[in-house]
Amino acid sequence: MEKLELIVDQIEEDTRRLEAGEHVSGPSAQEYRNRVAGSAPFAGRVVTGVRNVERILEQADPAIHHGQGMTCVWRAATAACRKAKLTLGLPGADAPDEAECRSTCANLAYTDRDIAELQRELVLLQADAADPLAPQPRRDRAAAQAAQHLTIIERHQECATDDKRGLA
């Protein structure tokens, strides 16, 4: 039940933000918009058993997973995290694994919320990269992560149109 409530709340929030003009970029931006638009508003149902919840979840879940500074529009066939597991001989998952997320994944989309999070992280990374008291490997890693964040942020901003609905 809690997962269903989370999904319903997430769909409502995503729909509200898109209708208010939230910009989405990244390889799965259009798929994100399509899935949010295709998710019917939850009309409410009486749930009397586990199977009912599972059936409603199958119908309602758009397989959009909001992570830290990114959104995964899950498709198993193109998921870089799943491919990484399969390469290692591990079982492939049916949901994203944020610990194995790759910046080159075709399932990624970036909402304005994600970009705001990346901008907050960028400030910290830039400070770490410039810290003369930090060991050089740590500064190098922070600089590389800051550059990656900055690239994502700039792409998101560059593809925004006047109506804030541009796609990358």
C-alpha atoms as a PDB file:
ATOM      1  CA  MET A   1       0.000   0.000   0.000  1.00  0.00           C
ATOM      2  CA  GLU A   2       2.800   2.420   0.851  1.00  0.00           C
ATOM      3  CA  LYS A   3       4.406   1.965  -2.568  1.00  0.00           C
ATOM      4  CA  LEU A   4       1.072   2.631  -4.259  1.00  0.00           C
ATOM      5  CA  GLU A   5       0.592   5.789  -2.183  1.00  0.00           C
ATOM      6  CA  LEU A   6       4.095   6.940  -3.103  1.00  0.00           C
ATOM      7  CA  ILE A   7       3.475   6.368  -6.820  1.00  0.00           C
ATOM      8  CA  VAL A   8       0.124   8.170  -6.758  1.00  0.00           C
ATOM      9  CA  ASP A   9       1.637  11.147  -4.927  1.00  0.00           C
ATOM     10  CA  GLN A  10       4.624  11.213  -7.292  1.00  0.00           C
ATOM     11  CA  ILE A  11       2.435  11.149 -10.412  1.00  0.00           C
ATOM     12  CA  GLU A  12       0.319  13.995  -9.054  1.00  0.00           C
ATOM     13  CA  GLU A  13       3.422  16.061  -8.204  1.00  0.00           C
ATOM     14  CA  ASP A  14       5.101  15.373 -11.567  1.00  0.00           C
ATOM     15  CA  THR A  15       1.906  16.269 -13.436  1.00  0.00           C
ATOM     16  CA  ARG A  16       1.475  19.471 -11.462  1.00  0.00           C
ATOM     17  CA  ARG A  17       5.079  20.543 -12.068  1.00  0.00           C
ATOM     18  CA  LEU A  18       4.986  19.777 -15.800  1.00  0.00           C
ATOM     19  CA  GLU A  19       1.740  21.698 -16.181  1.00  0.00           C
ATOM     20  CA  ALA A  20       3.380  24.609 -14.333  1.00  0.00           C
ATOM     21  CA  GLY A  21       6.203  24.612 -16.900  1.00  0.00           C
ATOM     22  CA  GLU A  22       8.924  22.483 -15.333  1.00  0.00           C
ATOM     23  CA  HIS A  23      11.679  21.883 -17.866  1.00  0.00           C
ATOM     24  CA  VAL A  24      12.947  18.353 -18.489  1.00  0.00           C
ATOM     25  CA  SER A  25      16.160  17.471 -20.323  1.00  0.00           C
ATOM     26  CA  GLY A  26      18.273  14.395 -20.945  1.00  0.00           C
ATOM     27  CA  PRO A  27      17.987  11.320 -23.143  1.00  0.00           C
ATOM     28  CA  SER A  28      14.649  10.219 -21.643  1.00  0.00           C
ATOM     29  CA  ALA A  29      13.023  13.645 -21.334  1.00  0.00           C
ATOM     30  CA  GLN A  30      10.282  12.948 -23.877  1.00  0.00           C
ATOM     31  CA  GLU A  31       9.589   9.499 -22.438  1.00  0.00           C
ATOM     32  CA  TYR A  32       9.274  11.091 -18.987  1.00  0.00           C
ATOM     33  CA  ARG A  33       6.721  13.571 -20.329  1.00  0.00           C
ATOM     34  CA  ASN A  34       4.829  10.794 -22.140  1.00  0.00           C
ATOM     35  CA  ARG A  35       4.643   8.571 -19.069  1.00  0.00           C
ATOM     36  CA  VAL A  36       3.538  11.372 -16.768  1.00  0.00           C
ATOM     37  CA  ALA A  37       0.902  12.499 -19.282  1.00  0.00           C
ATOM     38  CA  GLY A  38      -0.246   8.900 -19.793  1.00  0.00           C
ATOM     39  CA  SER A  39      -0.701   8.234 -16.090  1.00  0.00           C
ATOM     40  CA  ALA A  40      -4.357   8.502 -15.307  1.00  0.00           C
ATOM     41  CA  PRO A  41      -5.254  10.358 -12.128  1.00  0.00           C
ATOM     42  CA  PHE A  42      -5.898   7.894  -9.340  1.00  0.00           C
ATOM     43  CA  ALA A  43      -9.657   7.772  -8.833  1.00  0.00           C
ATOM     44  CA  GLY A  44      -9.390   5.841  -5.588  1.00  0.00           C
ATOM     45  CA  ARG A  45     -10.317   2.257  -4.998  1.00  0.00           C
ATOM     46  CA  VAL A  46     -11.135   0.046  -2.060  1.00  0.00           C
ATOM     47  CA  VAL A  47      -8.310  -2.432  -1.654  1.00  0.00           C
ATOM     48  CA  THR A  48      -9.238  -5.646   0.089  1.00  0.00           C
ATOM     49  CA  GLY A  49      -6.241  -7.845  -0.662  1.00  0.00           C
ATOM     50  CA  VAL A  50      -2.597  -8.010  -1.635  1.00  0.00           C
ATOM     51  CA  ARG A  51      -3.412  -9.103  -5.189  1.00  0.00           C
ATOM     52  CA  ASN A  52      -5.597  -6.011  -5.639  1.00  0.00           C
ATOM     53  CA  VAL A  53      -2.698  -3.770  -4.627  1.00  0.00           C
ATOM     54  CA  GLU A  54      -0.361  -5.605  -7.013  1.00  0.00           C
ATOM     55  CA  ARG A  55      -2.822  -5.223  -9.891  1.00  0.00           C
ATOM     56  CA  ILE A  56      -3.329  -1.504  -9.204  1.00  0.00           C
ATOM     57  CA  LEU A  57       0.453  -1.049  -8.973  1.00  0.00           C
ATOM     58  CA  GLU A  58       0.921  -2.718 -12.368  1.00  0.00           C
ATOM     59  CA  GLN A  59      -1.584  -0.326 -13.895  1.00  0.00           C
ATOM     60  CA  ALA A  60      -0.525   2.858 -12.095  1.00  0.00           C
ATOM     61  CA  ASP A  61       3.284   2.619 -11.946  1.00  0.00           C
ATOM     62  CA  PRO A  62       4.890   4.688 -14.743  1.00  0.00           C
ATOM     63  CA  ALA A  63       8.347   3.356 -13.721  1.00  0.00           C
ATOM     64  CA  ILE A  64       9.725   6.828 -13.040  1.00  0.00           C
ATOM     65  CA  HIS A  65      12.221   6.895 -10.197  1.00  0.00           C
ATOM     66  CA  HIS A  66      13.381  10.203  -8.751  1.00  0.00           C
ATOM     67  CA  GLY A  67      16.912   9.944  -7.424  1.00  0.00           C
ATOM     68  CA  GLN A  68      19.472  12.377  -6.099  1.00  0.00           C
ATOM     69  CA  GLY A  69      19.986  14.943  -8.853  1.00  0.00           C
ATOM     70  CA  MET A  70      18.497  12.728 -11.561  1.00  0.00           C
ATOM     71  CA  THR A  71      15.357  10.941 -12.647  1.00  0.00           C
ATOM     72  CA  CYS A  72      15.374   7.417 -14.067  1.00  0.00           C
ATOM     73  CA  VAL A  73      12.711   6.638 -16.650  1.00  0.00           C
ATOM     74  CA  TRP A  74      13.170   2.891 -16.261  1.00  0.00           C
ATOM     75  CA  ARG A  75      13.462   0.626 -19.268  1.00  0.00           C
ATOM     76  CA  ALA A  76      15.286  -2.615 -18.505  1.00  0.00           C
ATOM     77  CA  ALA A  77      16.621  -2.992 -22.054  1.00  0.00           C
ATOM     78  CA  THR A  78      18.517   0.312 -21.934  1.00  0.00           C
ATOM     79  CA  ALA A  79      19.386   0.549 -18.230  1.00  0.00           C
ATOM     80  CA  ALA A  80      23.137   0.986 -17.734  1.00  0.00           C
ATOM     81  CA  CYS A  81      22.913  -0.115 -14.089  1.00  0.00           C
ATOM     82  CA  ARG A  82      21.254  -3.386 -15.144  1.00  0.00           C
ATOM     83  CA  LYS A  83      23.821  -3.970 -17.899  1.00  0.00           C
ATOM     84  CA  ALA A  84      26.651  -3.401 -15.408  1.00  0.00           C
ATOM     85  CA  LYS A  85      25.224  -6.078 -13.119  1.00  0.00           C
ATOM     86  CA  LEU A  86      24.724  -8.531 -15.954  1.00  0.00           C
ATOM     87  CA  THR A  87      28.323  -7.952 -17.108  1.00  0.00           C
ATOM     88  CA  LEU A  88      29.497  -8.952 -13.630  1.00  0.00           C
ATOM     89  CA  GLY A  89      27.362 -12.090 -13.747  1.00  0.00           C
ATOM     90  CA  LEU A  90      24.871 -10.759 -11.216  1.00  0.00           C
ATOM     91  CA  PRO A  91      21.115 -10.970 -11.722  1.00  0.00           C
ATOM     92  CA  GLY A  92      19.630  -7.975 -13.518  1.00  0.00           C
ATOM     93  CA  ALA A  93      17.159  -5.976 -11.484  1.00  0.00           C
ATOM     94  CA  ASP A  94      13.657  -4.879 -12.432  1.00  0.00           C
ATOM     95  CA  ALA A  95      14.259  -1.402 -11.008  1.00  0.00           C
ATOM     96  CA  PRO A  96      17.100   1.110 -11.073  1.00  0.00           C
ATOM     97  CA  ASP A  97      20.108   0.768  -8.798  1.00  0.00           C
ATOM     98  CA  GLU A  98      21.276   4.303  -8.022  1.00  0.00           C
ATOM     99  CA  ALA A  99      24.594   2.987  -6.717  1.00  0.00           C
ATOM    100  CA  GLU A 100      25.312   1.579 -10.199  1.00  0.00           C
ATOM    101  CA  CYS A 101      23.922   4.545 -12.152  1.00  0.00           C
ATOM    102  CA  ARG A 102      26.001   5.715 -15.108  1.00  0.00           C
ATOM    103  CA  SER A 103      25.900   9.254 -16.475  1.00  0.00           C
ATOM    104  CA  THR A 104      25.694   7.823 -19.993  1.00  0.00           C
ATOM    105  CA  CYS A 105      22.498   5.871 -19.331  1.00  0.00           C
ATOM    106  CA  ALA A 106      19.749   6.326 -21.900  1.00  0.00           C
ATOM    107  CA  ASN A 107      17.127   6.184 -19.134  1.00  0.00           C
ATOM    108  CA  LEU A 108      18.150   9.472 -17.501  1.00  0.00           C
ATOM    109  CA  ALA A 109      16.080  12.628 -17.457  1.00  0.00           C
ATOM    110  CA  TYR A 110      16.767  15.822 -15.533  1.00  0.00           C
ATOM    111  CA  THR A 111      13.948  17.925 -14.136  1.00  0.00           C
ATOM    112  CA  ASP A 112      14.375  21.435 -12.786  1.00  0.00           C
ATOM    113  CA  ARG A 113      14.301  19.818  -9.317  1.00  0.00           C
ATOM    114  CA  ASP A 114      17.225  17.596 -10.278  1.00  0.00           C
ATOM    115  CA  ILE A 115      19.181  20.549 -11.651  1.00  0.00           C
ATOM    116  CA  ALA A 116      18.627  22.523  -8.434  1.00  0.00           C
ATOM    117  CA  GLU A 117      20.080  19.575  -6.492  1.00  0.00           C
ATOM    118  CA  LEU A 118      23.049  19.346  -8.864  1.00  0.00           C
ATOM    119  CA  GLN A 119      23.679  23.089  -8.476  1.00  0.00           C
ATOM    120  CA  ARG A 120      23.794  22.707  -4.674  1.00  0.00           C
ATOM    121  CA  GLU A 121      26.202  19.776  -5.014  1.00  0.00           C
ATOM    122  CA  LEU A 122      28.312  21.717  -7.544  1.00  0.00           C
ATOM    123  CA  VAL A 123      29.081  24.434  -4.995  1.00  0.00           C
ATOM    124  CA  LEU A 124      30.330  21.813  -2.521  1.00  0.00           C
ATOM    125  CA  LEU A 125      32.349  19.964  -5.150  1.00  0.00           C
ATOM    126  CA  GLN A 126      34.005  23.151  -6.353  1.00  0.00           C
ATOM    127  CA  ALA A 127      34.949  23.993  -2.768  1.00  0.00           C
ATOM    128  CA  ASP A 128      36.410  20.496  -2.282  1.00  0.00           C
ATOM    129  CA  ALA A 129      38.342  20.777  -5.539  1.00  0.00           C
ATOM    130  CA  ALA A 130      39.880  24.076  -4.416  1.00  0.00           C
ATOM    131  CA  ASP A 131      40.687  22.985  -0.842  1.00  0.00           C
ATOM    132  CA  PRO A 132      44.486  23.214  -0.503  1.00  0.00           C
ATOM    133  CA  LEU A 133      44.427  21.036   2.613  1.00  0.00           C
ATOM    134  CA  ALA A 134      42.654  18.124   0.921  1.00  0.00           C
ATOM    135  CA  PRO A 135      44.738  15.323  -0.606  1.00  0.00           C
ATOM    136  CA  GLN A 136      45.287  15.689  -4.365  1.00  0.00           C
ATOM    137  CA  PRO A 137      43.260  12.551  -5.308  1.00  0.00           C
ATOM    138  CA  ARG A 138      40.260  13.945  -3.433  1.00  0.00           C
ATOM    139  CA  ARG A 139      40.616  17.342  -5.139  1.00  0.00           C
ATOM    140  CA  ASP A 140      40.926  15.642  -8.535  1.00  0.00           C
ATOM    141  CA  ARG A 141      37.826  13.537  -7.940  1.00  0.00           C
ATOM    142  CA  ALA A 142      35.831  16.567  -6.773  1.00  0.00           C
ATOM    143  CA  ALA A 143      36.975  18.537  -9.836  1.00  0.00           C
ATOM    144  CA  ALA A 144      35.918  15.716 -12.177  1.00  0.00           C
ATOM    145  CA  GLN A 145      32.511  15.425 -10.505  1.00  0.00           C
ATOM    146  CA  ALA A 146      32.067  19.206 -10.594  1.00  0.00           C
ATOM    147  CA  ALA A 147      32.827  19.227 -14.327  1.00  0.00           C
ATOM    148  CA  GLN A 148      30.264  16.457 -14.899  1.00  0.00           C
ATOM    149  CA  HIS A 149      27.612  18.342 -12.889  1.00  0.00           C
ATOM    150  CA  LEU A 150      28.358  21.558 -14.761  1.00  0.00           C
ATOM    151  CA  THR A 151      27.973  19.823 -18.137  1.00  0.00           C
ATOM    152  CA  ILE A 152      24.552  18.452 -17.153  1.00  0.00           C
ATOM    153  CA  ILE A 153      23.431  21.831 -15.801  1.00  0.00           C
ATOM    154  CA  GLU A 154      24.575  23.700 -18.921  1.00  0.00           C
ATOM    155  CA  ARG A 155      22.874  21.217 -21.279  1.00  0.00           C
ATOM    156  CA  HIS A 156      19.659  21.531 -19.307  1.00  0.00           C
ATOM    157  CA  GLN A 157      19.770  25.321 -19.479  1.00  0.00           C
ATOM    158  CA  GLU A 158      20.784  25.425 -23.154  1.00  0.00           C
ATOM    159  CA  CYS A 159      17.893  23.288 -24.322  1.00  0.00           C
ATOM    160  CA  ALA A 160      15.251  25.230 -22.402  1.00  0.00           C
ATOM    161  CA  THR A 161      12.966  27.135 -24.731  1.00  0.00           C
ATOM    162  CA  ASP A 162      11.117  30.334 -23.961  1.00  0.00           C
ATOM    163  CA  ASP A 163       8.208  28.343 -22.590  1.00  0.00           C
ATOM    164  CA  LYS A 164      10.579  26.270 -20.405  1.00  0.00           C
ATOM    165  CA  ARG A 165       9.481  23.074 -22.134  1.00  0.00           C
ATOM    166  CA  GLY A 166      12.502  22.386 -24.325  1.00  0.00           C
ATOM    167  CA  LEU A 167      13.920  18.905 -24.603  1.00  0.00           C
ATOM    168  CA  ALA A 168      17.467  17.668 -24.891  1.00  0.00           C
END
